[in-house]
């Protein structure tokens, strides 16, 4: 597979978040913390998709976002680490990358659609 650009990966991951949102809504416990974390992650993904950092600069781009978050630095850092780990996985796993390219098909997304 061709090298994966962070912006394209983040656009694909945004589609995958829809399925996780369906799972979150079905949980019986209070999922407010999950919703807050997913909102932070969604903001990061959308910013990456818009700004299109180079693959070699992606980690630095995420770090700068964390530093700019001020008091919210901890939660933003947690989500930035998650995004970066998933991007690295997509780079290393053709199967994961193919799943994302297919629109991240999921039984959860189909059930909620």
C-alpha atoms as a PDB file:
ATOM      1  CA  UNK A   1       0.000   0.000   0.000  1.00  0.00           C
ATOM      2  CA  UNK A   2       1.215   3.555  -0.631  1.00  0.00           C
ATOM      3  CA  UNK A   3       2.492   5.622   2.314  1.00  0.00           C
ATOM      4  CA  UNK A   4      -0.367   6.832   4.472  1.00  0.00           C
ATOM      5  CA  UNK A   5      -0.790  10.584   4.918  1.00  0.00           C
ATOM      6  CA  UNK A   6      -2.032  11.613   8.371  1.00  0.00           C
ATOM      7  CA  UNK A   7      -4.828  13.734   6.849  1.00  0.00           C
ATOM      8  CA  UNK A   8      -6.249  10.842   4.837  1.00  0.00           C
ATOM      9  CA  UNK A   9      -5.934   8.499   7.803  1.00  0.00           C
ATOM     10  CA  UNK A  10      -7.776  10.979  10.039  1.00  0.00           C
ATOM     11  CA  UNK A  11     -10.605  11.362   7.517  1.00  0.00           C
ATOM     12  CA  UNK A  12     -10.954   7.580   7.499  1.00  0.00           C
ATOM     13  CA  UNK A  13     -10.790   7.374  11.284  1.00  0.00           C
ATOM     14  CA  UNK A  14     -13.557   9.963  11.588  1.00  0.00           C
ATOM     15  CA  UNK A  15     -15.830   7.504   9.774  1.00  0.00           C
ATOM     16  CA  UNK A  16     -14.836   4.763  12.214  1.00  0.00           C
ATOM     17  CA  UNK A  17     -15.808   6.961  15.181  1.00  0.00           C
ATOM     18  CA  UNK A  18     -19.446   6.767  14.118  1.00  0.00           C
ATOM     19  CA  UNK A  19     -19.584   3.077  15.067  1.00  0.00           C
ATOM     20  CA  UNK A  20     -17.983   3.712  18.450  1.00  0.00           C
ATOM     21  CA  UNK A  21     -20.550   6.434  19.097  1.00  0.00           C
ATOM     22  CA  UNK A  22     -23.308   3.877  18.556  1.00  0.00           C
ATOM     23  CA  UNK A  23     -21.734   1.539  21.110  1.00  0.00           C
ATOM     24  CA  UNK A  24     -21.346   4.377  23.596  1.00  0.00           C
ATOM     25  CA  UNK A  25     -25.005   5.344  23.348  1.00  0.00           C
ATOM     26  CA  UNK A  26     -26.119   1.763  24.097  1.00  0.00           C
ATOM     27  CA  UNK A  27     -24.143   1.510  27.334  1.00  0.00           C
ATOM     28  CA  UNK A  28     -26.126   1.551  30.542  1.00  0.00           C
ATOM     29  CA  UNK A  29     -23.559   3.552  32.505  1.00  0.00           C
ATOM     30  CA  UNK A  30     -22.926   7.298  32.378  1.00  0.00           C
ATOM     31  CA  UNK A  31     -20.869   7.795  29.221  1.00  0.00           C
ATOM     32  CA  UNK A  32     -20.248  11.533  29.596  1.00  0.00           C
ATOM     33  CA  UNK A  33     -16.466  11.053  30.021  1.00  0.00           C
ATOM     34  CA  UNK A  34     -16.435   8.917  26.848  1.00  0.00           C
ATOM     35  CA  UNK A  35     -18.277  11.635  24.943  1.00  0.00           C
ATOM     36  CA  UNK A  36     -15.819  14.296  26.121  1.00  0.00           C
ATOM     37  CA  UNK A  37     -12.821  12.194  25.062  1.00  0.00           C
ATOM     38  CA  UNK A  38     -14.365  11.414  21.687  1.00  0.00           C
ATOM     39  CA  UNK A  39     -15.119  15.107  21.126  1.00  0.00           C
ATOM     40  CA  UNK A  40     -11.459  15.947  21.796  1.00  0.00           C
ATOM     41  CA  UNK A  41     -10.347  13.156  19.479  1.00  0.00           C
ATOM     42  CA  UNK A  42     -12.792  14.256  16.778  1.00  0.00           C
ATOM     43  CA  UNK A  43     -11.448  17.839  17.025  1.00  0.00           C
ATOM     44  CA  UNK A  44      -7.886  16.569  16.591  1.00  0.00           C
ATOM     45  CA  UNK A  45      -8.839  14.364  13.636  1.00  0.00           C
ATOM     46  CA  UNK A  46     -10.687  17.197  11.924  1.00  0.00           C
ATOM     47  CA  UNK A  47      -7.737  19.559  12.452  1.00  0.00           C
ATOM     48  CA  UNK A  48      -5.303  17.019  10.988  1.00  0.00           C
ATOM     49  CA  UNK A  49      -7.601  16.453   8.011  1.00  0.00           C
ATOM     50  CA  UNK A  50      -7.770  20.193   7.404  1.00  0.00           C
ATOM     51  CA  UNK A  51      -4.127  21.126   8.027  1.00  0.00           C
ATOM     52  CA  UNK A  52      -2.618  18.030   6.354  1.00  0.00           C
ATOM     53  CA  UNK A  53       0.718  17.760   8.219  1.00  0.00           C
ATOM     54  CA  UNK A  54       3.473  15.768   6.513  1.00  0.00           C
ATOM     55  CA  UNK A  55       3.953  12.225   7.810  1.00  0.00           C
ATOM     56  CA  UNK A  56       7.448  13.064   9.098  1.00  0.00           C
ATOM     57  CA  UNK A  57       6.039  16.061  11.017  1.00  0.00           C
ATOM     58  CA  UNK A  58       2.880  14.403  12.350  1.00  0.00           C
ATOM     59  CA  UNK A  59       4.193  13.599  15.831  1.00  0.00           C
ATOM     60  CA  UNK A  60       5.528  17.144  16.238  1.00  0.00           C
ATOM     61  CA  UNK A  61       2.223  18.572  14.946  1.00  0.00           C
ATOM     62  CA  UNK A  62       0.333  16.587  17.603  1.00  0.00           C
ATOM     63  CA  UNK A  63       2.771  17.670  20.320  1.00  0.00           C
ATOM     64  CA  UNK A  64       2.295  21.320  19.375  1.00  0.00           C
ATOM     65  CA  UNK A  65      -1.478  20.865  19.616  1.00  0.00           C
ATOM     66  CA  UNK A  66      -1.058  19.457  23.121  1.00  0.00           C
ATOM     67  CA  UNK A  67       1.111  22.383  24.196  1.00  0.00           C
ATOM     68  CA  UNK A  68      -1.393  24.855  22.767  1.00  0.00           C
ATOM     69  CA  UNK A  69      -4.235  23.254  24.756  1.00  0.00           C
ATOM     70  CA  UNK A  70      -3.140  24.953  27.987  1.00  0.00           C
ATOM     71  CA  UNK A  71      -5.172  23.665  30.937  1.00  0.00           C
ATOM     72  CA  UNK A  72      -6.724  20.938  28.748  1.00  0.00           C
ATOM     73  CA  UNK A  73      -3.263  19.628  27.863  1.00  0.00           C
ATOM     74  CA  UNK A  74      -3.733  16.284  29.670  1.00  0.00           C
ATOM     75  CA  UNK A  75      -6.926  15.176  27.906  1.00  0.00           C
ATOM     76  CA  UNK A  76      -5.675  16.443  24.541  1.00  0.00           C
ATOM     77  CA  UNK A  77      -2.395  14.586  25.064  1.00  0.00           C
ATOM     78  CA  UNK A  78      -4.257  11.367  25.838  1.00  0.00           C
ATOM     79  CA  UNK A  79      -6.261  11.607  22.633  1.00  0.00           C
ATOM     80  CA  UNK A  80      -3.213  12.703  20.603  1.00  0.00           C
ATOM     81  CA  UNK A  81      -1.327   9.619  21.805  1.00  0.00           C
ATOM     82  CA  UNK A  82      -4.312   7.487  20.799  1.00  0.00           C
ATOM     83  CA  UNK A  83      -4.469   9.037  17.320  1.00  0.00           C
ATOM     84  CA  UNK A  84      -0.717   8.674  16.826  1.00  0.00           C
ATOM     85  CA  UNK A  85      -0.738   5.017  17.936  1.00  0.00           C
ATOM     86  CA  UNK A  86      -3.613   4.242  15.581  1.00  0.00           C
ATOM     87  CA  UNK A  87      -1.818   5.992  12.710  1.00  0.00           C
ATOM     88  CA  UNK A  88       1.341   3.948  13.394  1.00  0.00           C
ATOM     89  CA  UNK A  89      -0.792   0.786  13.444  1.00  0.00           C
ATOM     90  CA  UNK A  90      -2.352   1.724  10.103  1.00  0.00           C
ATOM     91  CA  UNK A  91       1.130   2.278   8.662  1.00  0.00           C
ATOM     92  CA  UNK A  92       2.229  -1.163   9.843  1.00  0.00           C
ATOM     93  CA  UNK A  93      -0.962  -3.113   9.140  1.00  0.00           C
ATOM     94  CA  UNK A  94      -2.276  -3.455   5.626  1.00  0.00           C
ATOM     95  CA  UNK A  95      -5.412  -5.105   7.030  1.00  0.00           C
ATOM     96  CA  UNK A  96      -6.186  -2.165   9.330  1.00  0.00           C
ATOM     97  CA  UNK A  97      -5.472   0.313   6.545  1.00  0.00           C
ATOM     98  CA  UNK A  98      -7.725  -1.634   4.145  1.00  0.00           C
ATOM     99  CA  UNK A  99     -10.528  -1.714   6.752  1.00  0.00           C
ATOM    100  CA  UNK A 100     -10.319   2.060   7.106  1.00  0.00           C
ATOM    101  CA  UNK A 101     -10.267   2.541   3.331  1.00  0.00           C
ATOM    102  CA  UNK A 102     -13.459   0.457   3.079  1.00  0.00           C
ATOM    103  CA  UNK A 103     -15.174   2.958   5.351  1.00  0.00           C
ATOM    104  CA  UNK A 104     -14.519   1.064   8.601  1.00  0.00           C
ATOM    105  CA  UNK A 105     -17.443  -1.346   8.207  1.00  0.00           C
ATOM    106  CA  UNK A 106     -18.916  -2.370  11.541  1.00  0.00           C
ATOM    107  CA  UNK A 107     -21.920  -4.259  12.815  1.00  0.00           C
ATOM    108  CA  UNK A 108     -22.410  -1.402  15.299  1.00  0.00           C
ATOM    109  CA  UNK A 109     -22.618   1.186  12.533  1.00  0.00           C
ATOM    110  CA  UNK A 110     -25.062  -0.980  10.564  1.00  0.00           C
ATOM    111  CA  UNK A 111     -27.256  -1.520  13.629  1.00  0.00           C
ATOM    112  CA  UNK A 112     -27.406   2.195  14.400  1.00  0.00           C
ATOM    113  CA  UNK A 113     -27.822   3.390  10.817  1.00  0.00           C
END
